[in-house]
Amino acid sequence: MSVTVTVFEPSGARSLAIAELPAALMQANLLWVDIEAPSHAEIDLMQHVFRFHPLAVEDSIHNETRAKLEQYADHLFIVINPLTHDPDHNRIELRELDIFVGKNYVVTVHPAPEPLLAEARSRFMDMRKGISPSSGVLLHTLLDVVVDSYFPLVEDAVDAIEAVEDKLLDDRTPPITEELVQLKRMMRDLSRVVWPTQTVMTYIANHYHMLDGEQLEYYFRDVQDHLLRLAEIIANLRENLTSLLDLHMSATSNRLNKVVNRLTVITIAVGALSVLTGFYGMNFEQTWPPFNTPNGVLLVIGLMVAVELAFFGFLRLRKWL
């Protein structure tokens, strides 16, 4: 558990002690408070110093919430989901980042170290050189960094799907049903993250004046556009995977039919020979040709060969073979 307090002043950024927070909140400078794995002390800080809504504090503790936004009297509560990709199993693991946004502060809460925050801090420090630092600018930076992190995951998914397409109709490759199912699950998980986040961004883009006025209009719309592109790509990939799965099942069925056809031909061919050999295995005193007929064995073998040739000739004539 840790708390990092940063105040952004015209002269630069500096760290503050937790005890200085109440006084700093009364000033106009922007505060960024980052809380990792909140304990009772941090929960008390959110409840009594920042006076966050109890339901928002509860959501930030439980960490089981999908992307959403709640607007309270003097602050916003936003939940977004950074992602971790396991390429070996094509699996997506969701993390949670809770963001409280007020007039002159942003509070981020997360249950474990969040690697994207370092990138957000670096990007915000570069961005504030051309625009006045504010809670809205910092919020945009956090959202933009998280949304940008989704694109490499989608690109990995595209590469994986293309690899599956190359193997799909190759008879020498092992079955890829499990791989296709894993990719479909990955696309489903991505969709479950992107669509709620898009709803959050739509709300913010339409109510940006609550934060900083018109200067952030295009910034939030840019993030919204990124999410829209992601949603369209994911929808197309899910459709492609459904088609690939259907094609894979058809190809598997076709290969199985070929094997069954070959086994059927072999069974009938062996069955025809069994009829002939079974005939000469019966306990008749006289048969044809008689048992003592010279070259009788060669005659029967020739008859068996003729039957097989006639059988395969019939199959080829009917184009069954």
Protein backbone atom coordinates (compact mmCIF):
# COMPACT_ATOMS: atom_id res chain seq x y z
CA MET A 1 0.00 0.00 0.00
CA SER A 2 1.32 3.44 -0.89
CA VAL A 3 0.16 6.99 -1.50
CA THR A 4 1.93 9.41 -3.83
CA VAL A 5 0.88 13.07 -3.82
CA THR A 6 2.07 15.39 -6.58
CA VAL A 7 1.20 19.06 -6.94
CA PHE A 8 1.60 20.72 -10.35
CA GLU A 9 2.52 24.38 -10.06
CA PRO A 10 3.47 26.94 -12.74
CA SER A 11 7.10 26.38 -11.80
CA GLY A 12 6.88 22.58 -12.07
CA ALA A 13 5.83 19.47 -10.16
CA ARG A 14 6.75 18.54 -6.61
CA SER A 15 5.76 15.92 -4.06
CA LEU A 16 3.66 16.61 -1.00
CA ALA A 17 3.22 14.84 2.30
CA ILE A 18 -0.20 13.40 3.05
CA ALA A 19 -0.56 15.79 5.98
CA GLU A 20 -0.36 18.73 3.55
CA LEU A 21 -3.33 17.54 1.48
CA PRO A 22 -6.17 19.41 3.25
CA ALA A 23 -4.38 22.75 2.84
CA ALA A 24 -3.33 22.00 -0.73
CA LEU A 25 -6.93 21.23 -1.73
CA MET A 26 -7.88 24.80 -0.81
CA GLN A 27 -5.45 26.19 -3.40
CA ALA A 28 -5.87 26.40 -7.18
CA ASN A 29 -2.90 24.19 -8.09
CA LEU A 30 -3.59 20.76 -9.58
CA LEU A 31 -3.13 17.75 -7.30
CA TRP A 32 -2.59 14.16 -8.39
CA VAL A 33 -2.99 11.62 -5.59
CA ASP A 34 -2.13 8.04 -6.51
CA ILE A 35 -3.27 5.31 -4.09
CA GLU A 36 -2.11 1.73 -4.47
CA ALA A 37 -3.84 -1.08 -2.54
CA PRO A 38 -5.80 1.24 -0.21
CA SER A 39 -5.80 0.37 3.47
CA HIS A 40 -8.05 1.78 6.19
CA ALA A 41 -5.96 4.95 6.33
CA GLU A 42 -6.34 5.58 2.58
CA ILE A 43 -10.07 4.80 2.75
CA ASP A 44 -10.41 7.32 5.56
CA LEU A 45 -8.52 9.83 3.40
CA MET A 46 -11.00 9.37 0.53
CA GLN A 47 -14.02 9.56 2.81
CA HIS A 48 -13.10 12.46 5.09
CA VAL A 49 -10.55 14.59 3.25
CA PHE A 50 -11.89 14.35 -0.30
CA ARG A 51 -15.43 13.48 0.82
CA PHE A 52 -16.05 11.05 -2.03
CA HIS A 53 -19.45 9.41 -2.30
CA PRO A 54 -19.55 6.19 -0.19
CA LEU A 55 -20.69 4.09 -3.16
CA ALA A 56 -17.73 5.29 -5.23
CA VAL A 57 -15.33 4.51 -2.40
CA GLU A 58 -16.87 1.06 -2.06
CA ASP A 59 -16.42 0.38 -5.79
CA SER A 60 -12.78 1.47 -5.61
CA ILE A 61 -12.13 -1.04 -2.82
CA HIS A 62 -13.87 -4.09 -4.29
CA ASN A 63 -12.22 -3.86 -7.73
CA GLU A 64 -14.89 -5.88 -9.48
CA THR A 65 -16.40 -3.15 -11.61
CA ARG A 66 -16.35 -2.83 -15.39
CA ALA A 67 -15.75 0.52 -17.08
CA LYS A 68 -18.30 3.10 -15.97
CA LEU A 69 -18.80 6.73 -14.98
CA GLU A 70 -20.77 8.25 -12.13
CA GLN A 71 -21.32 11.99 -11.74
CA TYR A 72 -21.69 13.27 -8.18
CA ALA A 73 -22.22 16.79 -6.88
CA ASP A 74 -18.58 17.90 -6.86
CA HIS A 75 -16.64 15.05 -8.48
CA LEU A 76 -16.69 12.35 -11.14
CA PHE A 77 -15.96 8.69 -10.49
CA ILE A 78 -14.60 6.77 -13.48
CA VAL A 79 -13.60 3.14 -13.78
CA ILE A 80 -11.42 1.99 -16.68
CA ASN A 81 -9.72 -1.34 -17.36
CA PRO A 82 -6.08 -1.59 -18.43
CA LEU A 83 -5.35 -4.99 -19.95
CA THR A 84 -2.63 -7.62 -19.88
CA HIS A 85 -2.25 -10.02 -22.80
CA ASP A 86 -1.05 -13.59 -22.40
CA PRO A 87 0.09 -14.44 -25.98
CA ASP A 88 0.78 -18.10 -25.20
CA HIS A 89 -2.89 -18.75 -24.42
CA ASN A 90 -4.47 -15.79 -26.28
CA ARG A 91 -6.00 -14.64 -23.02
CA ILE A 92 -6.85 -11.17 -21.74
CA GLU A 93 -6.50 -10.30 -18.06
CA LEU A 94 -8.36 -7.22 -16.84
CA ARG A 95 -6.98 -4.77 -14.34
CA GLU A 96 -8.89 -1.91 -12.77
CA LEU A 97 -8.01 1.73 -12.48
CA ASP A 98 -10.41 3.96 -10.54
CA ILE A 99 -10.26 7.72 -11.13
CA PHE A 100 -11.83 10.45 -9.01
CA VAL A 101 -11.89 13.84 -10.73
CA GLY A 102 -12.61 17.12 -8.98
CA LYS A 103 -12.10 20.78 -9.78
CA ASN A 104 -8.41 20.84 -8.94
CA TYR A 105 -7.49 17.22 -8.23
CA VAL A 106 -7.33 13.73 -9.69
CA VAL A 107 -7.17 10.68 -7.45
CA THR A 108 -6.21 7.33 -8.99
CA VAL A 109 -6.81 4.09 -7.07
CA HIS A 110 -5.59 0.64 -8.11
CA PRO A 111 -5.08 -2.67 -6.25
CA ALA A 112 -1.57 -3.39 -7.60
CA PRO A 113 1.27 -1.49 -9.30
CA GLU A 114 -0.07 0.03 -12.53
CA PRO A 115 2.65 0.33 -15.20
CA LEU A 116 0.62 2.69 -17.40
CA LEU A 117 0.73 5.47 -14.80
CA ALA A 118 4.40 6.14 -15.48
CA GLU A 119 3.61 6.63 -19.16
CA ALA A 120 0.66 8.87 -18.24
CA ARG A 121 2.86 11.01 -15.99
CA SER A 122 5.48 11.42 -18.70
CA ARG A 123 2.89 12.27 -21.35
CA PHE A 124 1.16 14.75 -19.04
CA MET A 125 4.41 16.56 -18.29
CA ASP A 126 5.00 16.96 -22.03
CA MET A 127 1.40 17.98 -22.70
CA ARG A 128 1.27 20.67 -20.03
CA LYS A 129 3.92 22.63 -21.94
CA GLY A 130 1.33 23.59 -24.55
CA ILE A 131 -1.85 23.66 -22.48
CA SER A 132 -2.73 24.79 -18.97
CA PRO A 133 -2.57 21.86 -16.52
CA SER A 134 -5.93 20.95 -15.06
CA SER A 135 -7.85 17.95 -13.78
CA GLY A 136 -9.48 17.58 -17.21
CA VAL A 137 -6.14 17.50 -19.00
CA LEU A 138 -4.82 14.91 -16.57
CA LEU A 139 -7.98 12.82 -16.97
CA HIS A 140 -7.62 12.94 -20.75
CA THR A 141 -4.01 11.80 -20.45
CA LEU A 142 -4.94 8.83 -18.28
CA LEU A 143 -7.77 7.77 -20.59
CA ASP A 144 -5.66 8.25 -23.70
CA VAL A 145 -2.80 6.12 -22.34
CA VAL A 146 -5.15 3.28 -21.39
CA VAL A 147 -6.98 3.34 -24.74
CA ASP A 148 -3.71 3.47 -26.68
CA SER A 149 -2.56 0.36 -24.81
CA TYR A 150 -5.47 -1.58 -26.38
CA PHE A 151 -4.12 -1.23 -29.93
CA PRO A 152 -1.08 -3.55 -29.53
CA LEU A 153 -3.43 -6.23 -28.14
CA VAL A 154 -5.69 -5.92 -31.17
CA GLU A 155 -2.65 -6.05 -33.48
CA ASP A 156 -1.50 -9.25 -31.73
CA ALA A 157 -4.98 -10.68 -32.26
CA VAL A 158 -4.88 -9.81 -35.97
CA ASP A 159 -1.49 -11.55 -36.32
CA ALA A 160 -2.80 -14.62 -34.48
CA ILE A 161 -5.90 -14.79 -36.69
CA GLU A 162 -3.79 -14.48 -39.85
CA ALA A 163 -1.59 -17.32 -38.61
CA VAL A 164 -4.68 -19.45 -38.05
CA GLU A 165 -5.90 -18.67 -41.56
CA ASP A 166 -2.60 -19.94 -42.98
CA LYS A 167 -2.92 -23.22 -41.07
CA LEU A 168 -6.63 -23.70 -41.56
CA LEU A 169 -6.68 -25.69 -44.79
CA ASP A 170 -3.31 -27.40 -44.31
CA ASP A 171 -3.96 -31.12 -43.78
CA ARG A 172 -0.55 -31.53 -42.13
CA THR A 173 -1.34 -29.19 -39.21
CA PRO A 174 -2.97 -30.50 -36.01
CA PRO A 175 -6.54 -29.47 -35.15
CA ILE A 176 -6.82 -25.76 -34.37
CA THR A 177 -10.29 -25.73 -32.81
CA GLU A 178 -8.91 -24.87 -29.36
CA GLU A 179 -6.84 -22.03 -30.80
CA LEU A 180 -9.87 -20.59 -32.58
CA VAL A 181 -11.95 -20.82 -29.41
CA GLN A 182 -9.21 -19.03 -27.44
CA LEU A 183 -9.16 -16.23 -30.01
CA LYS A 184 -12.95 -15.91 -29.87
CA ARG A 185 -12.76 -15.67 -26.08
CA MET A 186 -10.06 -13.02 -26.39
CA MET A 187 -12.21 -10.97 -28.77
CA ARG A 188 -15.17 -11.34 -26.44
CA ASP A 189 -13.11 -10.05 -23.49
CA LEU A 190 -11.82 -7.12 -25.55
CA SER A 191 -15.35 -6.27 -26.61
CA ARG A 192 -16.55 -6.37 -23.00
CA VAL A 193 -13.89 -3.76 -22.14
CA VAL A 194 -14.07 -1.50 -25.20
CA TRP A 195 -17.84 -1.02 -25.38
CA PRO A 196 -18.35 0.20 -21.78
CA THR A 197 -15.25 2.41 -22.10
CA GLN A 198 -16.73 3.88 -25.26
CA THR A 199 -19.88 4.72 -23.31
CA VAL A 200 -17.77 6.49 -20.69
CA MET A 201 -15.92 8.49 -23.35
CA THR A 202 -19.17 9.42 -25.10
CA TYR A 203 -20.49 10.87 -21.85
CA ILE A 204 -17.29 12.80 -21.16
CA ALA A 205 -17.07 14.08 -24.75
CA ASN A 206 -20.63 15.41 -24.47
CA HIS A 207 -20.09 16.95 -21.03
CA TYR A 208 -16.50 18.17 -21.33
CA HIS A 209 -17.59 21.63 -20.15
CA MET A 210 -17.90 20.17 -16.65
CA LEU A 211 -14.14 19.82 -16.54
CA ASP A 212 -12.32 22.55 -18.44
CA GLY A 213 -14.55 24.00 -21.07
CA GLU A 214 -13.97 24.02 -24.81
CA GLN A 215 -10.20 23.55 -24.77
CA LEU A 216 -10.59 19.80 -24.18
CA GLU A 217 -13.41 19.17 -26.65
CA TYR A 218 -11.17 17.86 -29.43
CA TYR A 219 -8.93 15.89 -27.08
CA PHE A 220 -11.77 13.83 -25.65
CA ARG A 221 -13.30 13.37 -29.08
CA ASP A 222 -9.97 12.02 -30.29
CA VAL A 223 -9.99 9.32 -27.60
CA GLN A 224 -13.62 8.59 -28.44
CA ASP A 225 -12.64 8.13 -32.10
CA HIS A 226 -9.89 5.69 -31.09
CA LEU A 227 -12.40 3.61 -29.16
CA LEU A 228 -14.83 3.65 -32.08
CA ARG A 229 -12.11 2.33 -34.38
CA LEU A 230 -11.23 -0.36 -31.86
CA ALA A 231 -14.87 -1.39 -31.55
CA GLU A 232 -15.21 -1.69 -35.32
CA ILE A 233 -12.00 -3.71 -35.64
CA ILE A 234 -13.03 -6.06 -32.83
CA ALA A 235 -16.49 -6.55 -34.35
CA ASN A 236 -14.92 -7.44 -37.72
CA LEU A 237 -12.44 -9.80 -36.07
CA ARG A 238 -15.23 -11.58 -34.20
CA GLU A 239 -17.11 -12.07 -37.46
CA ASN A 240 -13.95 -13.36 -39.14
CA LEU A 241 -13.36 -15.79 -36.31
CA THR A 242 -16.91 -17.09 -36.55
CA SER A 243 -16.43 -17.65 -40.29
CA LEU A 244 -13.05 -19.29 -39.70
CA LEU A 245 -14.51 -21.59 -37.09
CA ASP A 246 -17.30 -22.62 -39.47
CA LEU A 247 -14.75 -23.13 -42.25
CA HIS A 248 -12.53 -25.15 -39.93
CA MET A 249 -15.41 -27.41 -38.95
CA SER A 250 -16.31 -27.88 -42.63
CA ALA A 251 -12.69 -28.66 -43.51
CA THR A 252 -12.47 -31.13 -40.63
CA SER A 253 -15.70 -32.76 -41.77
CA ASN A 254 -14.38 -32.99 -45.33
CA ARG A 255 -11.14 -34.61 -44.17
CA LEU A 256 -13.15 -37.06 -42.07
CA ASN A 257 -15.34 -37.88 -45.08
CA LYS A 258 -12.24 -38.61 -47.18
CA VAL A 259 -10.93 -40.98 -44.52
CA VAL A 260 -14.32 -42.70 -44.23
CA ASN A 261 -14.51 -43.09 -48.01
CA ARG A 262 -11.08 -44.70 -48.15
CA LEU A 263 -11.90 -47.02 -45.29
CA THR A 264 -15.17 -47.95 -46.99
CA VAL A 265 -13.36 -48.81 -50.22
CA ILE A 266 -10.86 -50.94 -48.32
CA THR A 267 -13.63 -52.69 -46.39
CA ILE A 268 -15.58 -53.55 -49.55
CA ALA A 269 -12.43 -54.71 -51.34
CA VAL A 270 -11.46 -56.97 -48.46
CA GLY A 271 -15.07 -58.16 -48.17
CA ALA A 272 -15.10 -59.28 -51.81
CA LEU A 273 -11.95 -61.31 -51.23
CA SER A 274 -13.44 -62.78 -48.07
CA VAL A 275 -16.39 -64.11 -50.08
CA LEU A 276 -14.08 -66.00 -52.40
CA THR A 277 -11.76 -67.34 -49.71
CA GLY A 278 -14.76 -68.28 -47.55
CA PHE A 279 -16.23 -70.29 -50.40
CA TYR A 280 -13.17 -72.49 -50.61
CA GLY A 281 -13.11 -72.87 -46.87
CA MET A 282 -16.45 -74.74 -46.77
CA ASN A 283 -16.51 -78.47 -46.10
CA PHE A 284 -17.69 -79.58 -49.54
CA GLU A 285 -16.22 -82.80 -50.98
CA GLN A 286 -16.42 -81.32 -54.46
CA THR A 287 -15.84 -77.69 -55.34
CA TRP A 288 -14.84 -75.68 -58.37
CA PRO A 289 -12.20 -75.92 -59.40
CA PRO A 290 -11.63 -79.21 -57.57
CA PHE A 291 -9.00 -79.26 -54.87
CA ASN A 292 -6.74 -81.46 -56.96
CA THR A 293 -6.99 -79.30 -60.10
CA PRO A 294 -3.56 -78.38 -61.50
CA ASN A 295 -2.93 -74.61 -61.14
CA GLY A 296 -6.15 -74.25 -59.17
CA VAL A 297 -4.52 -71.83 -56.74
CA LEU A 298 -3.36 -69.60 -59.56
CA LEU A 299 -6.83 -69.71 -61.07
CA VAL A 300 -8.46 -68.58 -57.82
CA ILE A 301 -5.86 -65.86 -57.30
CA GLY A 302 -6.48 -64.62 -60.84
CA LEU A 303 -10.22 -64.61 -60.13
CA MET A 304 -9.64 -62.54 -56.97
CA VAL A 305 -7.47 -60.04 -58.89
CA ALA A 306 -10.12 -59.78 -61.62
CA VAL A 307 -12.85 -59.10 -59.05
CA GLU A 308 -10.76 -56.35 -57.42
CA LEU A 309 -9.93 -54.74 -60.78
CA ALA A 310 -13.58 -54.82 -61.78
CA PHE A 311 -14.54 -53.27 -58.43
CA PHE A 312 -12.04 -50.40 -58.68
CA GLY A 313 -12.91 -49.88 -62.34
CA PHE A 314 -16.57 -49.53 -61.37
CA LEU A 315 -15.70 -46.98 -58.66
CA ARG A 316 -13.66 -44.90 -61.10
CA LEU A 317 -16.36 -45.09 -63.73
CA ARG A 318 -18.87 -43.68 -61.25
CA LYS A 319 -16.25 -41.13 -60.06
CA TRP A 320 -16.52 -42.39 -56.49
CA LEU A 321 -12.77 -42.86 -56.25
